[in-house]
Amino acid sequence: MNKISKLPFLLISFLIIGCSNPELQKELDSVKQELVNCSKELADIKNTPEQRLIRAKKLLAENDLQGAKNEFQGIVDDFNGTGDAKNAMKEVAKIDKIIEDKKKEAERKKTLGYKILTPSSTVKYGEITLKFEKIWKGKRWTFDTYGDRYMLRDAERGKNHVLARVSISSESNDPQLPPVLVYQMDNGELNLLGTLQYEFRRWKDYGSYLGNYADYGNDFSHSKTIPFNLGLQVSNDELEGKSIYIVLKKRGCFYRQRKAIGNPEIEYRKLSCTPKQVLKIEDFDNDYVLLKRY
C-alpha cells in the first residue's frame, strides 16, 4: 500500500478511535493536511506537460479534436513562455485549421450536394485494386471469351444493361470482390436499382472454359490481376430521364466457388453485400466511391 492510499485508512482509524484525545486530534489534523498535500501533488503530476501531451495525442488518435485542443491549451495556459507551451500553441493552431476546414467542407457539401463528387476509375482498398476501363449502357453483355467465341446476354425489350469492364489486382490469393452498384437520382436522393454481376472476361481456350483443366489466368492464387466484365439489366424507364450513379462499396461480398451445373465451373457469387438503399453525401466519405455519373 503506497503513501497516498494509506491516508484514507489512517483517517478512518483515527475517527474510530475518537477525536477527544488532543494528541490524536493533532495527529488527525496532520494526516488531513498530508492528504491534501498528496492530492495536490497527484493533480500536479497529472497536469504536467508530458502527461497532457500523452492525453492530447490519444484524443487526436480518437479524432476528438476539441478534447485534444483543450489539453494543448492547458499547456499553453499553465506553462506560458516555455518550450512546451510554444509547441502546444502550434498544435492548437493546427487543430483550429482542421476544425475550420471541416466546417467549410460541411458547408460546401450542404450547398453543392452530390455535385462535389468526382468519379474515380481506380479504387484501392485493403489488399485489392480495381481499374475500371469502361462503364457504359448497352443491349449486349459479352463475357467468357475463348478463341473467337464468347458468351452473351441480350437485354429484354424495354431494358438495357449497365456494363463495366474492370481489371482487379489482389495481394490475397482468395479475395472477396466488392459490389458495383447502380443508383438513380430521384427527388434529391440516390436510390438503389441493383448490383452488377461478375463474369470472367476471357478463358485460355475452350477446354479451360469447360473446366477440363485449370486456367491460372482466372485464379488469384496464381495471377495477381484478373479481368472481369460486369453487367446488370435495368428498365429503360429507370435509366432514361434520370441521373444514374455507378458506385462501388469498399467491402468484399462476391466470393469464388464452383458451380454445381453449367460452365464455366468457376464463378463469383454474391453473398450479403448489404448496400444502403438510399445513399447520402456523407456515405462517400468512407465506404462508397463514385465511379461514373450519367
Protein backbone atom coordinates (compact mmCIF):
# COMPACT_ATOMS: atom_id res chain seq x y z
CA MET A 1 0.00 0.00 0.00
CA ASN A 2 1.55 3.32 -1.09
CA LYS A 3 1.65 6.55 0.87
CA ILE A 4 -1.39 8.14 -0.73
CA SER A 5 -3.58 5.06 -0.46
CA LYS A 6 -2.71 4.68 3.25
CA LEU A 7 -4.01 8.14 4.18
CA PRO A 8 -7.78 7.47 3.95
CA PHE A 9 -7.23 4.31 6.01
CA LEU A 10 -5.43 6.31 8.71
CA LEU A 11 -8.16 8.94 8.79
CA ILE A 12 -10.85 6.33 9.30
CA SER A 13 -8.78 4.70 12.05
CA PHE A 14 -8.41 7.99 13.94
CA LEU A 15 -12.12 8.68 13.65
CA ILE A 16 -12.96 5.24 15.05
CA ILE A 17 -10.59 5.70 18.00
CA GLY A 18 -12.07 9.12 18.70
CA CYS A 19 -11.03 12.67 18.38
CA SER A 20 -11.49 13.72 22.03
CA ASN A 21 -7.84 12.99 22.73
CA PRO A 22 -5.83 16.18 21.95
CA GLU A 23 -2.83 14.17 20.77
CA LEU A 24 -4.98 12.12 18.47
CA GLN A 25 -6.69 15.29 17.19
CA LYS A 26 -3.32 16.80 16.43
CA GLU A 27 -2.26 13.66 14.58
CA LEU A 28 -5.56 13.65 12.70
CA ASP A 29 -5.04 17.24 11.56
CA SER A 30 -1.56 16.31 10.38
CA VAL A 31 -2.87 13.38 8.38
CA LYS A 32 -5.60 15.56 6.83
CA GLN A 33 -3.03 18.10 5.73
CA GLU A 34 -0.82 15.35 4.33
CA LEU A 35 -3.79 14.02 2.37
CA VAL A 36 -4.45 17.50 0.95
CA ASN A 37 -0.78 17.84 0.00
CA CYS A 38 -0.70 14.41 -1.64
CA SER A 39 -3.89 15.12 -3.57
CA LYS A 40 -2.39 18.35 -4.85
CA GLU A 41 0.83 16.55 -5.74
CA LEU A 42 -1.13 13.90 -7.67
CA ALA A 43 -3.08 16.59 -9.53
CA ASP A 44 0.17 18.35 -10.42
CA ILE A 45 1.62 15.10 -11.74
CA LYS A 46 -1.45 14.50 -13.90
CA ASN A 47 -1.19 18.01 -15.36
CA THR A 48 2.49 18.09 -16.29
CA PRO A 49 3.15 18.99 -19.94
CA GLU A 50 4.26 15.41 -20.58
CA GLN A 51 1.02 13.88 -19.25
CA ARG A 52 -1.14 16.42 -21.08
CA LEU A 53 0.74 15.72 -24.29
CA ILE A 54 0.09 11.99 -23.91
CA ARG A 55 -3.62 12.64 -23.37
CA ALA A 56 -3.76 15.06 -26.32
CA LYS A 57 -2.19 12.53 -28.70
CA LYS A 58 -4.61 9.85 -27.53
CA LEU A 59 -7.57 12.17 -28.16
CA LEU A 60 -6.23 13.04 -31.62
CA ALA A 61 -5.98 9.33 -32.42
CA GLU A 62 -9.63 9.02 -31.40
CA ASN A 63 -10.49 12.01 -33.63
CA ASP A 64 -11.59 14.06 -30.62
CA LEU A 65 -10.28 17.38 -31.91
CA GLN A 66 -11.88 19.56 -29.25
CA GLY A 67 -10.64 17.37 -26.40
CA ALA A 68 -7.10 17.40 -27.81
CA LYS A 69 -7.25 21.17 -28.25
CA ASN A 70 -8.26 21.57 -24.58
CA GLU A 71 -5.24 19.56 -23.45
CA PHE A 72 -2.82 21.57 -25.61
CA GLN A 73 -4.45 24.82 -24.48
CA GLY A 74 -3.92 23.75 -20.87
CA ILE A 75 -0.18 23.50 -21.52
CA VAL A 76 -0.22 26.99 -23.07
CA ASP A 77 -2.13 28.50 -20.14
CA ASP A 78 -0.23 26.84 -17.31
CA PHE A 79 3.30 26.84 -18.73
CA ASN A 80 3.35 30.10 -20.67
CA GLY A 81 6.73 31.03 -22.10
CA THR A 82 8.19 27.52 -22.01
CA GLY A 83 9.18 25.39 -24.97
CA ASP A 84 6.31 23.04 -24.21
CA ALA A 85 3.85 25.95 -24.38
CA LYS A 86 5.24 27.14 -27.73
CA ASN A 87 4.91 23.64 -29.22
CA ALA A 88 1.40 23.34 -27.80
CA MET A 89 0.41 26.65 -29.41
CA LYS A 90 1.44 25.25 -32.81
CA GLU A 91 -0.71 22.16 -32.20
CA VAL A 92 -3.69 24.34 -31.22
CA ALA A 93 -3.27 26.30 -34.48
CA LYS A 94 -3.20 23.03 -36.49
CA ILE A 95 -6.36 21.77 -34.80
CA ASP A 96 -8.12 25.11 -35.35
CA LYS A 97 -7.32 24.85 -39.06
CA ILE A 98 -8.63 21.27 -39.25
CA ILE A 99 -11.85 22.30 -37.49
CA GLU A 100 -12.26 25.29 -39.82
CA ASP A 101 -11.59 23.14 -42.91
CA LYS A 102 -14.15 20.59 -41.76
CA LYS A 103 -16.68 23.36 -41.23
CA LYS A 104 -16.05 24.74 -44.73
CA GLU A 105 -16.31 21.25 -46.27
CA ALA A 106 -19.61 20.65 -44.47
CA GLU A 107 -20.96 23.94 -45.85
CA ARG A 108 -19.71 23.02 -49.31
CA LYS A 109 -21.45 19.65 -49.18
CA LYS A 110 -24.62 21.29 -47.98
CA THR A 111 -24.52 23.79 -50.85
CA LEU A 112 -23.41 21.54 -53.72
CA GLY A 113 -24.65 18.13 -52.57
CA TYR A 114 -23.70 15.24 -54.88
CA LYS A 115 -22.13 17.66 -57.37
CA ILE A 116 -18.95 17.70 -55.27
CA LEU A 117 -18.29 14.02 -56.06
CA THR A 118 -15.50 13.30 -58.55
CA PRO A 119 -15.67 9.96 -60.43
CA SER A 120 -12.72 7.60 -59.92
CA SER A 121 -11.57 4.99 -62.42
CA THR A 122 -9.12 3.39 -59.96
CA VAL A 123 -10.12 2.29 -56.48
CA LYS A 124 -7.75 0.78 -53.92
CA TYR A 125 -8.74 -0.52 -50.50
CA GLY A 126 -7.43 -3.30 -48.32
CA GLU A 127 -5.50 -5.77 -50.46
CA ILE A 128 -7.22 -5.14 -53.80
CA THR A 129 -7.03 -2.53 -56.56
CA LEU A 130 -9.75 -2.11 -59.20
CA LYS A 131 -9.06 -0.36 -62.51
CA PHE A 132 -12.21 0.39 -64.48
CA GLU A 133 -11.52 0.61 -68.20
CA LYS A 134 -15.07 1.44 -69.28
CA ILE A 135 -18.56 1.85 -67.82
CA TRP A 136 -21.50 2.19 -70.22
CA LYS A 137 -25.06 1.22 -71.16
CA GLY A 138 -25.66 -1.41 -73.84
CA LYS A 139 -28.09 -4.00 -75.10
CA ARG A 140 -25.49 -6.79 -75.28
CA TRP A 141 -23.32 -8.04 -72.44
CA THR A 142 -20.43 -10.25 -73.59
CA PHE A 143 -18.05 -12.31 -71.43
CA ASP A 144 -16.27 -15.72 -71.20
CA THR A 145 -14.35 -15.16 -74.44
CA TYR A 146 -12.20 -18.06 -75.70
CA GLY A 147 -10.59 -18.01 -79.13
CA ASP A 148 -13.03 -16.20 -81.43
CA ARG A 149 -16.08 -17.22 -79.39
CA TYR A 150 -17.81 -15.65 -76.42
CA MET A 151 -20.92 -15.84 -74.28
CA LEU A 152 -23.54 -13.08 -74.39
CA ARG A 153 -26.76 -11.88 -72.85
CA ASP A 154 -29.01 -9.50 -74.72
CA ALA A 155 -31.26 -7.23 -72.69
CA GLU A 156 -35.01 -7.82 -72.88
CA ARG A 157 -37.36 -5.40 -74.61
CA GLY A 158 -37.65 -2.11 -72.74
CA LYS A 159 -34.45 -2.80 -70.83
CA ASN A 160 -30.73 -2.19 -71.09
CA HIS A 161 -27.60 -3.42 -69.41
CA VAL A 162 -25.38 -1.26 -67.24
CA LEU A 163 -21.96 -2.66 -68.11
CA ALA A 164 -18.45 -2.33 -66.68
CA ARG A 165 -15.05 -3.59 -67.76
CA VAL A 166 -12.59 -3.86 -64.88
CA SER A 167 -9.24 -5.44 -64.04
CA ILE A 168 -8.79 -6.43 -60.40
CA SER A 169 -5.41 -6.91 -58.71
CA SER A 170 -5.10 -8.59 -55.34
CA GLU A 171 -2.38 -9.25 -52.78
CA SER A 172 -4.56 -12.03 -51.38
CA ASN A 173 -4.85 -15.45 -53.05
CA ASP A 174 -8.60 -15.59 -52.49
CA PRO A 175 -10.12 -12.11 -52.16
CA GLN A 176 -13.79 -11.32 -51.88
CA LEU A 177 -14.74 -8.81 -54.57
CA PRO A 178 -16.69 -5.59 -53.87
CA PRO A 179 -20.16 -4.79 -55.21
CA VAL A 180 -20.60 -2.33 -58.07
CA LEU A 181 -23.98 -0.65 -57.60
CA VAL A 182 -26.42 1.34 -59.69
CA TYR A 183 -28.23 4.26 -58.06
CA GLN A 184 -30.85 6.58 -59.52
CA MET A 185 -31.18 10.21 -58.51
CA ASP A 186 -34.79 10.89 -57.60
CA ASN A 187 -36.06 13.92 -55.68
CA GLY A 188 -32.56 14.74 -54.46
CA GLU A 189 -31.83 11.21 -53.20
CA LEU A 190 -29.76 8.33 -54.57
CA ASN A 191 -31.94 5.22 -54.63
CA LEU A 192 -30.52 1.74 -55.25
CA LEU A 193 -31.54 -0.01 -58.50
CA GLY A 194 -29.32 -3.08 -58.26
CA THR A 195 -25.90 -4.75 -58.12
CA LEU A 196 -23.81 -5.69 -61.14
CA GLN A 197 -22.88 -9.35 -61.54
CA TYR A 198 -19.30 -10.55 -62.12
CA GLU A 199 -18.32 -12.67 -65.14
CA PHE A 200 -14.83 -13.62 -66.31
CA ARG A 201 -13.76 -11.71 -69.39
CA ARG A 202 -11.82 -14.48 -71.10
CA TRP A 203 -10.51 -18.04 -70.89
CA LYS A 204 -7.33 -19.57 -72.23
CA ASP A 205 -9.29 -21.89 -74.55
CA TYR A 206 -12.45 -23.95 -74.79
CA GLY A 207 -11.04 -26.73 -72.61
CA SER A 208 -10.33 -24.39 -69.70
CA TYR A 209 -13.78 -22.82 -70.14
CA LEU A 210 -15.33 -26.29 -69.80
CA GLY A 211 -13.21 -26.97 -66.72
CA ASN A 212 -11.21 -29.81 -68.29
CA TYR A 213 -8.13 -28.15 -66.84
CA ALA A 214 -7.34 -25.03 -64.85
CA ASP A 215 -6.90 -21.57 -66.29
CA TYR A 216 -4.42 -19.93 -63.95
CA GLY A 217 -5.13 -16.59 -65.59
CA ASN A 218 -8.51 -16.59 -63.80
CA ASP A 219 -7.20 -17.70 -60.40
CA PHE A 220 -5.85 -15.16 -57.91
CA SER A 221 -3.76 -17.87 -56.27
CA HIS A 222 -1.70 -17.89 -59.48
CA SER A 223 -2.33 -14.50 -61.09
CA LYS A 224 -2.20 -11.13 -59.37
CA THR A 225 -4.60 -9.47 -61.86
CA ILE A 226 -7.78 -10.85 -63.42
CA PRO A 227 -10.07 -9.07 -65.93
CA PHE A 228 -13.85 -9.16 -65.47
CA ASN A 229 -16.90 -7.98 -67.40
CA LEU A 230 -19.80 -6.89 -65.18
CA GLY A 231 -23.44 -6.32 -66.03
CA LEU A 232 -26.91 -5.60 -64.69
CA GLN A 233 -30.18 -5.46 -66.62
CA VAL A 234 -32.22 -2.36 -65.79
CA SER A 235 -35.52 -0.99 -67.10
CA ASN A 236 -35.24 1.90 -69.57
CA ASP A 237 -37.84 3.75 -67.51
CA GLU A 238 -35.36 3.79 -64.62
CA LEU A 239 -32.39 4.74 -66.80
CA GLU A 240 -33.82 7.41 -69.07
CA GLY A 241 -34.51 10.96 -67.95
CA LYS A 242 -32.76 10.36 -64.62
CA SER A 243 -29.23 10.86 -63.36
CA ILE A 244 -27.60 7.47 -62.86
CA TYR A 245 -24.71 6.96 -60.43
CA ILE A 246 -22.44 3.91 -60.67
CA VAL A 247 -20.95 3.38 -57.21
CA LEU A 248 -18.54 0.94 -55.59
CA LYS A 249 -18.87 -0.12 -51.97
CA LYS A 250 -15.50 -0.85 -50.36
CA ARG A 251 -16.42 -4.18 -48.89
CA GLY A 252 -15.92 -7.65 -50.37
CA CYS A 253 -19.05 -9.74 -50.79
CA PHE A 254 -18.58 -11.74 -54.03
CA TYR A 255 -16.77 -15.00 -53.30
CA ARG A 256 -15.22 -17.66 -55.56
CA GLN A 257 -16.96 -21.02 -55.80
CA ARG A 258 -17.53 -24.00 -58.07
CA LYS A 259 -20.84 -24.29 -59.91
CA ALA A 260 -22.90 -27.40 -59.43
CA ILE A 261 -24.18 -27.17 -63.02
CA GLY A 262 -23.04 -25.27 -66.12
CA ASN A 263 -19.90 -23.71 -67.50
CA PRO A 264 -17.52 -22.27 -66.65
CA GLU A 265 -17.30 -24.30 -63.45
CA ILE A 266 -15.87 -21.34 -61.50
CA GLU A 267 -17.91 -18.25 -60.67
CA TYR A 268 -18.06 -15.34 -58.26
CA ARG A 269 -21.33 -15.47 -56.35
CA LYS A 270 -22.84 -12.66 -54.32
CA LEU A 271 -23.07 -13.15 -50.59
CA SER A 272 -24.56 -10.42 -48.38
CA CYS A 273 -23.41 -7.05 -49.73
CA THR A 274 -25.92 -5.01 -47.67
CA PRO A 275 -25.62 -1.80 -49.71
CA LYS A 276 -27.63 1.15 -48.48
CA GLN A 277 -30.96 1.59 -50.23
CA VAL A 278 -30.54 5.37 -50.07
CA LEU A 279 -27.11 6.98 -50.24
CA LYS A 280 -26.31 10.30 -48.60
CA ILE A 281 -23.40 12.53 -49.48
CA GLU A 282 -21.69 11.62 -46.18
CA ASP A 283 -21.57 7.95 -47.23
CA PHE A 284 -18.94 8.84 -49.84
CA ASP A 285 -16.53 9.97 -47.11
CA ASN A 286 -15.51 6.40 -46.28
CA ASP A 287 -17.44 3.41 -47.62
CA TYR A 288 -18.63 4.37 -51.11
CA VAL A 289 -16.83 5.62 -54.23
CA LEU A 290 -18.40 7.23 -57.29
CA LEU A 291 -17.23 5.51 -60.49
CA LYS A 292 -19.40 7.22 -63.11
CA ARG A 293 -22.34 9.57 -63.36
CA TYR A 294 -24.53 9.92 -66.44
